[in-house]
Amino acid sequence: MPKNEKASPRIPLRHLSVRVPWHDAEWDGTVCRSPRQNSSCLALNRIGSTKNDTIEDTYKGQPLTDVPERDMPPCFAERVNFLAPKSQKRMAYHAYGRRLRK
């Protein structure tokens, strides 16, 4: 390297891991096509403890944007929609918050 040139700073390599629940339609922003057959969700505590197949069957295959907040599958909070073609919003309630849910 010529004396006039400065060496570029070395940027350390970083890895990012994101855990997402299994989805039978490639995380496309919809409710699973077969919610009752997606047993892998049961292995994730935050999903398995609140998963309701009856409600999910009502909306199977529909865009998550069309599901009312009260019926939203718990996998939505776990980034099941990360490959959705349209942006989607989710209202989050902190576990220690005092706000009453509807």
PDB file of N, CA and C in Angstrom:
ATOM      1  N   MET A   1       0.855  -1.169   0.000  1.00  0.00           N
ATOM      2  CA  MET A   1       0.000   0.000   0.000  1.00  0.00           C
ATOM      3  C   MET A   1       0.905   1.237   0.000  1.00  0.00           C
ATOM      4  N   PRO A   2       0.597   2.194  -0.899  1.00  0.00           N
ATOM      5  CA  PRO A   2       1.396   3.426  -0.936  1.00  0.00           C
ATOM      6  C   PRO A   2       1.300   4.177   0.385  1.00  0.00           C
ATOM      7  N   LYS A   3       2.308   4.968   0.710  1.00  0.00           N
ATOM      8  CA  LYS A   3       2.352   5.706   1.975  1.00  0.00           C
ATOM      9  C   LYS A   3       1.205   6.697   2.108  1.00  0.00           C
ATOM     10  N   ASN A   4       0.705   7.248   1.010  1.00  0.00           N
ATOM     11  CA  ASN A   4      -0.338   8.279   1.054  1.00  0.00           C
ATOM     12  C   ASN A   4      -1.715   7.712   1.418  1.00  0.00           C
ATOM     13  N   GLU A   5      -1.927   6.427   1.203  1.00  0.00           N
ATOM     14  CA  GLU A   5      -3.252   5.835   1.436  1.00  0.00           C
ATOM     15  C   GLU A   5      -3.363   5.324   2.866  1.00  0.00           C
ATOM     16  N   LYS A   6      -4.540   5.543   3.421  1.00  0.00           N
ATOM     17  CA  LYS A   6      -4.815   5.029   4.768  1.00  0.00           C
ATOM     18  C   LYS A   6      -5.512   3.678   4.646  1.00  0.00           C
ATOM     19  N   ALA A   7      -5.220   2.820   5.558  1.00  0.00           N
ATOM     20  CA  ALA A   7      -5.884   1.507   5.571  1.00  0.00           C
ATOM     21  C   ALA A   7      -7.326   1.684   6.036  1.00  0.00           C
ATOM     22  N   SER A   8      -8.248   1.001   5.375  1.00  0.00           N
ATOM     23  CA  SER A   8      -9.643   1.094   5.831  1.00  0.00           C
ATOM     24  C   SER A   8      -9.803   0.316   7.130  1.00  0.00           C
ATOM     25  N   PRO A   9     -10.657   0.838   7.991  1.00  0.00           N
ATOM     26  CA  PRO A   9     -10.850   0.153   9.273  1.00  0.00           C
ATOM     27  C   PRO A   9     -11.498  -1.218   9.051  1.00  0.00           C
ATOM     28  N   ARG A  10     -11.106  -2.161   9.845  1.00  0.00           N
ATOM     29  CA  ARG A  10     -11.686  -3.503   9.756  1.00  0.00           C
ATOM     30  C   ARG A  10     -12.967  -3.537  10.568  1.00  0.00           C
ATOM     31  N   ILE A  11     -13.995  -3.967   9.935  1.00  0.00           N
ATOM     32  CA  ILE A  11     -15.289  -4.099  10.613  1.00  0.00           C
ATOM     33  C   ILE A  11     -15.453  -5.563  10.988  1.00  0.00           C
ATOM     34  N   PRO A  12     -15.676  -5.826  12.272  1.00  0.00           N
ATOM     35  CA  PRO A  12     -15.801  -7.223  12.687  1.00  0.00           C
ATOM     36  C   PRO A  12     -17.073  -7.860  12.106  1.00  0.00           C
ATOM     37  N   LEU A  13     -16.969  -9.119  11.791  1.00  0.00           N
ATOM     38  CA  LEU A  13     -18.131  -9.851  11.297  1.00  0.00           C
ATOM     39  C   LEU A  13     -19.127 -10.059  12.431  1.00  0.00           C
ATOM     40  N   ARG A  14     -20.398  -9.992  12.101  1.00  0.00           N
ATOM     41  CA  ARG A  14     -21.464 -10.211  13.074  1.00  0.00           C
ATOM     42  C   ARG A  14     -22.462 -11.185  12.467  1.00  0.00           C
ATOM     43  N   HIS A  15     -23.095 -11.951  13.299  1.00  0.00           N
ATOM     44  CA  HIS A  15     -24.138 -12.867  12.866  1.00  0.00           C
ATOM     45  C   HIS A  15     -25.420 -12.500  13.583  1.00  0.00           C
ATOM     46  N   LEU A  16     -26.500 -12.614  12.882  1.00  0.00           N
ATOM     47  CA  LEU A  16     -27.802 -12.348  13.463  1.00  0.00           C
ATOM     48  C   LEU A  16     -28.648 -13.600  13.289  1.00  0.00           C
ATOM     49  N   SER A  17     -29.203 -14.071  14.378  1.00  0.00           N
ATOM     50  CA  SER A  17     -30.095 -15.232  14.320  1.00  0.00           C
ATOM     51  C   SER A  17     -31.476 -14.787  14.769  1.00  0.00           C
ATOM     52  N   VAL A  18     -32.474 -15.189  14.021  1.00  0.00           N
ATOM     53  CA  VAL A  18     -33.851 -14.873  14.373  1.00  0.00           C
ATOM     54  C   VAL A  18     -34.627 -16.173  14.360  1.00  0.00           C
ATOM     55  N   ARG A  19     -35.251 -16.472  15.461  1.00  0.00           N
ATOM     56  CA  ARG A  19     -36.058 -17.681  15.547  1.00  0.00           C
ATOM     57  C   ARG A  19     -37.475 -17.349  15.095  1.00  0.00           C
ATOM     58  N   VAL A  20     -37.967 -18.100  14.150  1.00  0.00           N
ATOM     59  CA  VAL A  20     -39.350 -17.912  13.701  1.00  0.00           C
ATOM     60  C   VAL A  20     -40.063 -19.255  13.762  1.00  0.00           C
ATOM     61  N   PRO A  21     -41.341 -19.245  14.094  1.00  0.00           N
ATOM     62  CA  PRO A  21     -42.075 -20.503  14.142  1.00  0.00           C
ATOM     63  C   PRO A  21     -42.319 -21.050  12.742  1.00  0.00           C
ATOM     64  N   TRP A  22     -42.477 -22.352  12.642  1.00  0.00           N
ATOM     65  CA  TRP A  22     -42.772 -22.988  11.364  1.00  0.00           C
ATOM     66  C   TRP A  22     -44.097 -22.470  10.822  1.00  0.00           C
ATOM     67  N   HIS A  23     -44.193 -22.329   9.510  1.00  0.00           N
ATOM     68  CA  HIS A  23     -45.436 -21.895   8.857  1.00  0.00           C
ATOM     69  C   HIS A  23     -45.598 -22.703   7.586  1.00  0.00           C
ATOM     70  N   ASP A  24     -46.795 -23.179   7.323  1.00  0.00           N
ATOM     71  CA  ASP A  24     -47.000 -24.069   6.171  1.00  0.00           C
ATOM     72  C   ASP A  24     -47.176 -23.335   4.848  1.00  0.00           C
ATOM     73  N   ALA A  25     -47.054 -22.021   4.846  1.00  0.00           N
ATOM     74  CA  ALA A  25     -47.163 -21.250   3.601  1.00  0.00           C
ATOM     75  C   ALA A  25     -45.987 -20.271   3.470  1.00  0.00           C
ATOM     76  N   GLU A  26     -44.854 -20.677   3.981  1.00  0.00           N
ATOM     77  CA  GLU A  26     -43.609 -19.925   3.821  1.00  0.00           C
ATOM     78  C   GLU A  26     -43.637 -18.509   4.394  1.00  0.00           C
ATOM     79  N   TRP A  27     -44.242 -18.329   5.537  1.00  0.00           N
ATOM     80  CA  TRP A  27     -44.208 -17.063   6.280  1.00  0.00           C
ATOM     81  C   TRP A  27     -44.691 -15.889   5.434  1.00  0.00           C
ATOM     82  N   ASP A  28     -45.762 -16.116   4.697  1.00  0.00           N
ATOM     83  CA  ASP A  28     -46.244 -15.129   3.727  1.00  0.00           C
ATOM     84  C   ASP A  28     -47.256 -14.123   4.280  1.00  0.00           C
ATOM     85  N   GLY A  29     -47.434 -14.086   5.584  1.00  0.00           N
ATOM     86  CA  GLY A  29     -48.360 -13.114   6.166  1.00  0.00           C
ATOM     87  C   GLY A  29     -49.783 -13.607   6.247  1.00  0.00           C
ATOM     88  N   THR A  30     -49.967 -14.924   6.231  1.00  0.00           N
ATOM     89  CA  THR A  30     -51.304 -15.503   6.336  1.00  0.00           C
ATOM     90  C   THR A  30     -51.356 -16.443   7.536  1.00  0.00           C
ATOM     91  N   VAL A  31     -52.569 -16.810   7.911  1.00  0.00           N
ATOM     92  CA  VAL A  31     -52.766 -17.849   8.920  1.00  0.00           C
ATOM     93  C   VAL A  31     -52.441 -19.175   8.232  1.00  0.00           C
ATOM     94  N   CYS A  32     -51.876 -20.125   8.957  1.00  0.00           N
ATOM     95  CA  CYS A  32     -51.561 -21.436   8.375  1.00  0.00           C
ATOM     96  C   CYS A  32     -52.762 -22.015   7.640  1.00  0.00           C
ATOM     97  N   ARG A  33     -52.489 -22.751   6.588  1.00  0.00           N
ATOM     98  CA  ARG A  33     -53.563 -23.420   5.840  1.00  0.00           C
ATOM     99  C   ARG A  33     -54.135 -24.585   6.629  1.00  0.00           C
ATOM    100  N   SER A  34     -53.297 -25.205   7.458  1.00  0.00           N
ATOM    101  CA  SER A  34     -53.719 -26.350   8.278  1.00  0.00           C
ATOM    102  C   SER A  34     -53.225 -26.161   9.709  1.00  0.00           C
ATOM    103  N   PRO A  35     -53.845 -25.254  10.463  1.00  0.00           N
ATOM    104  CA  PRO A  35     -53.353 -24.940  11.813  1.00  0.00           C
ATOM    105  C   PRO A  35     -53.264 -26.157  12.741  1.00  0.00           C
ATOM    106  N   ARG A  36     -54.200 -27.070  12.643  1.00  0.00           N
ATOM    107  CA  ARG A  36     -54.198 -28.240  13.542  1.00  0.00           C
ATOM    108  C   ARG A  36     -53.027 -29.176  13.264  1.00  0.00           C
ATOM    109  N   GLN A  37     -52.480 -29.132  12.072  1.00  0.00           N
ATOM    110  CA  GLN A  37     -51.367 -30.013  11.728  1.00  0.00           C
ATOM    111  C   GLN A  37     -50.010 -29.390  12.003  1.00  0.00           C
ATOM    112  N   ASN A  38     -49.983 -28.145  12.429  1.00  0.00           N
ATOM    113  CA  ASN A  38     -48.719 -27.465  12.705  1.00  0.00           C
ATOM    114  C   ASN A  38     -48.361 -27.662  14.174  1.00  0.00           C
ATOM    115  N   SER A  39     -47.907 -28.845  14.500  1.00  0.00           N
ATOM    116  CA  SER A  39     -47.574 -29.158  15.894  1.00  0.00           C
ATOM    117  C   SER A  39     -46.248 -28.535  16.331  1.00  0.00           C
ATOM    118  N   SER A  40     -45.437 -28.065  15.399  1.00  0.00           N
ATOM    119  CA  SER A  40     -44.161 -27.460  15.786  1.00  0.00           C
ATOM    120  C   SER A  40     -44.379 -26.196  16.617  1.00  0.00           C
ATOM    121  N   CYS A  41     -45.517 -25.543  16.442  1.00  0.00           N
ATOM    122  CA  CYS A  41     -45.817 -24.349  17.246  1.00  0.00           C
ATOM    123  C   CYS A  41     -45.946 -24.693  18.725  1.00  0.00           C
ATOM    124  N   LEU A  42     -46.373 -25.900  19.010  1.00  0.00           N
ATOM    125  CA  LEU A  42     -46.575 -26.301  20.397  1.00  0.00           C
ATOM    126  C   LEU A  42     -45.261 -26.359  21.172  1.00  0.00           C
ATOM    127  N   ALA A  43     -44.146 -26.507  20.467  1.00  0.00           N
ATOM    128  CA  ALA A  43     -42.842 -26.574  21.113  1.00  0.00           C
ATOM    129  C   ALA A  43     -42.377 -25.213  21.616  1.00  0.00           C
ATOM    130  N   LEU A  44     -42.954 -24.152  21.097  1.00  0.00           N
ATOM    131  CA  LEU A  44     -42.575 -22.798  21.525  1.00  0.00           C
ATOM    132  C   LEU A  44     -43.558 -22.345  22.601  1.00  0.00           C
ATOM    133  N   ASN A  45     -43.067 -22.132  23.805  1.00  0.00           N
ATOM    134  CA  ASN A  45     -43.934 -21.832  24.952  1.00  0.00           C
ATOM    135  C   ASN A  45     -44.919 -20.699  24.718  1.00  0.00           C
ATOM    136  N   ARG A  46     -44.427 -19.601  24.149  1.00  0.00           N
ATOM    137  CA  ARG A  46     -45.301 -18.435  23.982  1.00  0.00           C
ATOM    138  C   ARG A  46     -46.394 -18.674  22.957  1.00  0.00           C
ATOM    139  N   ILE A  47     -46.234 -19.663  22.099  1.00  0.00           N
ATOM    140  CA  ILE A  47     -47.275 -19.985  21.121  1.00  0.00           C
ATOM    141  C   ILE A  47     -48.121 -21.145  21.627  1.00  0.00           C
ATOM    142  N   GLY A  48     -47.465 -22.220  22.021  1.00  0.00           N
ATOM    143  CA  GLY A  48     -48.173 -23.425  22.435  1.00  0.00           C
ATOM    144  C   GLY A  48     -49.136 -23.224  23.582  1.00  0.00           C
ATOM    145  N   SER A  49     -48.814 -22.338  24.508  1.00  0.00           N
ATOM    146  CA  SER A  49     -49.673 -22.132  25.679  1.00  0.00           C
ATOM    147  C   SER A  49     -50.950 -21.347  25.352  1.00  0.00           C
ATOM    148  N   THR A  50     -50.969 -20.641  24.218  1.00  0.00           N
ATOM    149  CA  THR A  50     -52.150 -19.833  23.880  1.00  0.00           C
ATOM    150  C   THR A  50     -52.741 -20.158  22.517  1.00  0.00           C
ATOM    151  N   LYS A  51     -52.176 -21.136  21.826  1.00  0.00           N
ATOM    152  CA  LYS A  51     -52.662 -21.512  20.479  1.00  0.00           C
ATOM    153  C   LYS A  51     -54.091 -22.037  20.580  1.00  0.00           C
ATOM    154  N   ASN A  52     -54.951 -21.566  19.683  1.00  0.00           N
ATOM    155  CA  ASN A  52     -56.351 -21.995  19.657  1.00  0.00           C
ATOM    156  C   ASN A  52     -56.678 -22.435  18.229  1.00  0.00           C
ATOM    157  N   ASP A  53     -56.608 -23.740  17.981  1.00  0.00           N
ATOM    158  CA  ASP A  53     -56.824 -24.268  16.635  1.00  0.00           C
ATOM    159  C   ASP A  53     -58.223 -23.965  16.102  1.00  0.00           C
ATOM    160  N   THR A  54     -59.209 -23.920  16.968  1.00  0.00           N
ATOM    161  CA  THR A  54     -60.582 -23.636  16.519  1.00  0.00           C
ATOM    162  C   THR A  54     -60.668 -22.250  15.898  1.00  0.00           C
ATOM    163  N   ILE A  55     -60.080 -21.271  16.573  1.00  0.00           N
ATOM    164  CA  ILE A  55     -60.084 -19.900  16.035  1.00  0.00           C
ATOM    165  C   ILE A  55     -59.224 -19.828  14.784  1.00  0.00           C
ATOM    166  N   GLU A  56     -58.046 -20.448  14.803  1.00  0.00           N
ATOM    167  CA  GLU A  56     -57.165 -20.401  13.634  1.00  0.00           C
ATOM    168  C   GLU A  56     -57.807 -21.069  12.426  1.00  0.00           C
ATOM    169  N   ASP A  57     -58.567 -22.139  12.656  1.00  0.00           N
ATOM    170  CA  ASP A  57     -59.279 -22.798  11.542  1.00  0.00           C
ATOM    171  C   ASP A  57     -60.282 -21.856  10.882  1.00  0.00           C
ATOM    172  N   THR A  58     -60.874 -20.963  11.657  1.00  0.00           N
ATOM    173  CA  THR A  58     -61.824 -19.991  11.116  1.00  0.00           C
ATOM    174  C   THR A  58     -61.171 -19.090  10.072  1.00  0.00           C
ATOM    175  N   TYR A  59     -59.897 -18.781  10.264  1.00  0.00           N
ATOM    176  CA  TYR A  59     -59.184 -17.834   9.401  1.00  0.00           C
ATOM    177  C   TYR A  59     -58.113 -18.495   8.539  1.00  0.00           C
ATOM    178  N   LYS A  60     -58.054 -19.818   8.475  1.00  0.00           N
ATOM    179  CA  LYS A  60     -56.942 -20.490   7.782  1.00  0.00           C
ATOM    180  C   LYS A  60     -56.766 -19.987   6.353  1.00  0.00           C
ATOM    181  N   GLY A  61     -55.515 -19.675   6.021  1.00  0.00           N
ATOM    182  CA  GLY A  61     -55.161 -19.194   4.703  1.00  0.00           C
ATOM    183  C   GLY A  61     -55.433 -17.716   4.455  1.00  0.00           C
ATOM    184  N   GLN A  62     -56.102 -17.050   5.370  1.00  0.00           N
ATOM    185  CA  GLN A  62     -56.424 -15.631   5.181  1.00  0.00           C
ATOM    186  C   GLN A  62     -55.241 -14.752   5.607  1.00  0.00           C
ATOM    187  N   PRO A  63     -55.119 -13.583   5.001  1.00  0.00           N
ATOM    188  CA  PRO A  63     -54.059 -12.661   5.425  1.00  0.00           C
ATOM    189  C   PRO A  63     -54.245 -12.267   6.893  1.00  0.00           C
ATOM    190  N   LEU A  64     -53.149 -12.175   7.612  1.00  0.00           N
ATOM    191  CA  LEU A  64     -53.223 -11.773   9.015  1.00  0.00           C
ATOM    192  C   LEU A  64     -53.822 -10.379   9.168  1.00  0.00           C
ATOM    193  N   THR A  65     -53.708  -9.558   8.148  1.00  0.00           N
ATOM    194  CA  THR A  65     -54.292  -8.214   8.208  1.00  0.00           C
ATOM    195  C   THR A  65     -55.816  -8.260   8.253  1.00  0.00           C
ATOM    196  N   ASP A  66     -56.419  -9.385   7.850  1.00  0.00           N
ATOM    197  CA  ASP A  66     -57.879  -9.526   7.877  1.00  0.00           C
ATOM    198  C   ASP A  66     -58.397 -10.162   9.161  1.00  0.00           C
ATOM    199  N   VAL A  67     -57.498 -10.564  10.053  1.00  0.00           N
ATOM    200  CA  VAL A  67     -57.902 -11.221  11.302  1.00  0.00           C
ATOM    201  C   VAL A  67     -58.040 -10.162  12.388  1.00  0.00           C
ATOM    202  N   PRO A  68     -59.193 -10.143  13.090  1.00  0.00           N
ATOM    203  CA  PRO A  68     -59.342  -9.177  14.187  1.00  0.00           C
ATOM    204  C   PRO A  68     -58.277  -9.403  15.267  1.00  0.00           C
ATOM    205  N   GLU A  69     -57.877  -8.332  15.925  1.00  0.00           N
ATOM    206  CA  GLU A  69     -56.814  -8.413  16.934  1.00  0.00           C
ATOM    207  C   GLU A  69     -57.111  -9.480  17.993  1.00  0.00           C
ATOM    208  N   ARG A  70     -58.345  -9.591  18.415  1.00  0.00           N
ATOM    209  CA  ARG A  70     -58.699 -10.550  19.471  1.00  0.00           C
ATOM    210  C   ARG A  70     -58.533 -12.009  19.022  1.00  0.00           C
ATOM    211  N   ASP A  71     -58.538 -12.263  17.705  1.00  0.00           N
ATOM    212  CA  ASP A  71     -58.414 -13.617  17.169  1.00  0.00           C
ATOM    213  C   ASP A  71     -57.049 -13.905  16.550  1.00  0.00           C
ATOM    214  N   MET A  72     -56.141 -12.976  16.675  1.00  0.00           N
ATOM    215  CA  MET A  72     -54.823 -13.114  16.049  1.00  0.00           C
ATOM    216  C   MET A  72     -54.090 -14.329  16.628  1.00  0.00           C
ATOM    217  N   PRO A  73     -53.560 -15.201  15.768  1.00  0.00           N
ATOM    218  CA  PRO A  73     -52.808 -16.350  16.282  1.00  0.00           C
ATOM    219  C   PRO A  73     -51.567 -15.888  17.045  1.00  0.00           C
ATOM    220  N   PRO A  74     -51.180 -16.595  18.089  1.00  0.00           N
ATOM    221  CA  PRO A  74     -50.034 -16.161  18.895  1.00  0.00           C
ATOM    222  C   PRO A  74     -48.717 -16.154  18.123  1.00  0.00           C
ATOM    223  N   CYS A  75     -48.634 -16.871  17.014  1.00  0.00           N
ATOM    224  CA  CYS A  75     -47.394 -16.880  16.233  1.00  0.00           C
ATOM    225  C   CYS A  75     -47.118 -15.511  15.604  1.00  0.00           C
ATOM    226  N   PHE A  76     -48.130 -14.675  15.475  1.00  0.00           N
ATOM    227  CA  PHE A  76     -47.938 -13.340  14.906  1.00  0.00           C
ATOM    228  C   PHE A  76     -46.950 -12.533  15.751  1.00  0.00           C
ATOM    229  N   ALA A  77     -47.017 -12.710  17.054  1.00  0.00           N
ATOM    230  CA  ALA A  77     -46.095 -12.003  17.945  1.00  0.00           C
ATOM    231  C   ALA A  77     -44.679 -12.547  17.843  1.00  0.00           C
ATOM    232  N   GLU A  78     -44.525 -13.700  17.225  1.00  0.00           N
ATOM    233  CA  GLU A  78     -43.211 -14.336  17.085  1.00  0.00           C
ATOM    234  C   GLU A  78     -42.674 -14.223  15.660  1.00  0.00           C
ATOM    235  N   ARG A  79     -43.085 -13.230  14.928  1.00  0.00           N
ATOM    236  CA  ARG A  79     -42.559 -12.913  13.588  1.00  0.00           C
ATOM    237  C   ARG A  79     -42.897 -13.948  12.519  1.00  0.00           C
ATOM    238  N   VAL A  80     -44.068 -14.579  12.615  1.00  0.00           N
ATOM    239  CA  VAL A  80     -44.438 -15.573  11.613  1.00  0.00           C
ATOM    240  C   VAL A  80     -44.682 -14.939  10.242  1.00  0.00           C
ATOM    241  N   ASN A  81     -44.777 -13.645  10.194  1.00  0.00           N
ATOM    242  CA  ASN A  81     -45.084 -12.935   8.950  1.00  0.00           C
ATOM    243  C   ASN A  81     -43.868 -12.240   8.339  1.00  0.00           C
ATOM    244  N   PHE A  82     -42.679 -12.654   8.662  1.00  0.00           N
ATOM    245  CA  PHE A  82     -41.504 -11.876   8.262  1.00  0.00           C
ATOM    246  C   PHE A  82     -41.258 -11.843   6.758  1.00  0.00           C
ATOM    247  N   LEU A  83     -41.906 -12.686   5.980  1.00  0.00           N
ATOM    248  CA  LEU A  83     -41.779 -12.623   4.524  1.00  0.00           C
ATOM    249  C   LEU A  83     -43.062 -12.136   3.852  1.00  0.00           C
ATOM    250  N   ALA A  84     -43.937 -11.525   4.621  1.00  0.00           N
ATOM    251  CA  ALA A  84     -45.196 -11.020   4.070  1.00  0.00           C
ATOM    252  C   ALA A  84     -44.918  -9.935   3.028  1.00  0.00           C
ATOM    253  N   PRO A  85     -45.676  -9.938   1.928  1.00  0.00           N
ATOM    254  CA  PRO A  85     -45.453  -8.942   0.886  1.00  0.00           C
ATOM    255  C   PRO A  85     -45.880  -7.533   1.293  1.00  0.00           C
ATOM    256  N   LYS A  86     -46.758  -7.414   2.276  1.00  0.00           N
ATOM    257  CA  LYS A  86     -47.225  -6.110   2.751  1.00  0.00           C
ATOM    258  C   LYS A  86     -46.866  -5.962   4.220  1.00  0.00           C
ATOM    259  N   SER A  87     -46.635  -4.721   4.643  1.00  0.00           N
ATOM    260  CA  SER A  87     -46.339  -4.496   6.056  1.00  0.00           C
ATOM    261  C   SER A  87     -47.586  -4.783   6.884  1.00  0.00           C
ATOM    262  N   GLN A  88     -47.358  -5.229   8.096  1.00  0.00           N
ATOM    263  CA  GLN A  88     -48.448  -5.576   9.005  1.00  0.00           C
ATOM    264  C   GLN A  88     -48.152  -4.979  10.360  1.00  0.00           C
ATOM    265  N   LYS A  89     -49.182  -4.545  11.043  1.00  0.00           N
ATOM    266  CA  LYS A  89     -49.014  -3.927  12.357  1.00  0.00           C
ATOM    267  C   LYS A  89     -49.572  -4.849  13.427  1.00  0.00           C
ATOM    268  N   ARG A  90     -48.928  -4.777  14.587  1.00  0.00           N
ATOM    269  CA  ARG A  90     -49.367  -5.571  15.724  1.00  0.00           C
ATOM    270  C   ARG A  90     -49.324  -4.693  16.966  1.00  0.00           C
ATOM    271  N   MET A  91     -50.421  -4.694  17.714  1.00  0.00           N
ATOM    272  CA  MET A  91     -50.460  -3.977  18.982  1.00  0.00           C
ATOM    273  C   MET A  91     -49.892  -4.914  20.042  1.00  0.00           C
ATOM    274  N   ALA A  92     -48.860  -4.475  20.731  1.00  0.00           N
ATOM    275  CA  ALA A  92     -48.242  -5.298  21.766  1.00  0.00           C
ATOM    276  C   ALA A  92     -48.595  -4.733  23.138  1.00  0.00           C
ATOM    277  N   TYR A  93     -48.874  -5.625  24.054  1.00  0.00           N
ATOM    278  CA  TYR A  93     -49.171  -5.251  25.431  1.00  0.00           C
ATOM    279  C   TYR A  93     -48.069  -5.804  26.319  1.00  0.00           C
ATOM    280  N   HIS A  94     -47.444  -4.923  27.063  1.00  0.00           N
ATOM    281  CA  HIS A  94     -46.384  -5.365  27.944  1.00  0.00           C
ATOM    282  C   HIS A  94     -46.985  -6.160  29.093  1.00  0.00           C
ATOM    283  N   ALA A  95     -46.307  -7.225  29.468  1.00  0.00           N
ATOM    284  CA  ALA A  95     -46.811  -8.117  30.513  1.00  0.00           C
ATOM    285  C   ALA A  95     -47.066  -7.400  31.842  1.00  0.00           C
ATOM    286  N   TYR A  96     -46.308  -6.358  32.127  1.00  0.00           N
ATOM    287  CA  TYR A  96     -46.473  -5.636  33.387  1.00  0.00           C
ATOM    288  C   TYR A  96     -47.289  -4.360  33.237  1.00  0.00           C
ATOM    289  N   GLY A  97     -47.841  -4.136  32.053  1.00  0.00           N
ATOM    290  CA  GLY A  97     -48.635  -2.927  31.823  1.00  0.00           C
ATOM    291  C   GLY A  97     -49.966  -2.984  32.560  1.00  0.00           C
ATOM    292  N   ARG A  98     -50.530  -1.829  32.830  1.00  0.00           N
ATOM    293  CA  ARG A  98     -51.805  -1.758  33.550  1.00  0.00           C
ATOM    294  C   ARG A  98     -52.998  -1.542  32.620  1.00  0.00           C
ATOM    295  N   ARG A  99     -52.728  -1.365  31.365  1.00  0.00           N
ATOM    296  CA  ARG A  99     -53.805  -1.118  30.412  1.00  0.00           C
ATOM    297  C   ARG A  99     -54.713  -2.341  30.313  1.00  0.00           C
ATOM    298  N   LEU A 100     -55.998  -2.106  30.344  1.00  0.00           N
ATOM    299  CA  LEU A 100     -56.951  -3.209  30.257  1.00  0.00           C
ATOM    300  C   LEU A 100     -57.168  -3.597  28.808  1.00  0.00           C
ATOM    301  N   ARG A 101     -57.182  -4.874  28.540  1.00  0.00           N
ATOM    302  CA  ARG A 101     -57.446  -5.355  27.189  1.00  0.00           C
ATOM    303  C   ARG A 101     -58.934  -5.494  26.985  1.00  0.00           C
ATOM    304  N   LYS A 102     -59.332  -5.342  25.745  1.00  0.00           N
ATOM    305  CA  LYS A 102     -60.752  -5.456  25.414  1.00  0.00           C
ATOM    306  C   LYS A 102     -61.172  -6.905  25.375  1.00  0.00           C
TER     307      LYS A 102
END
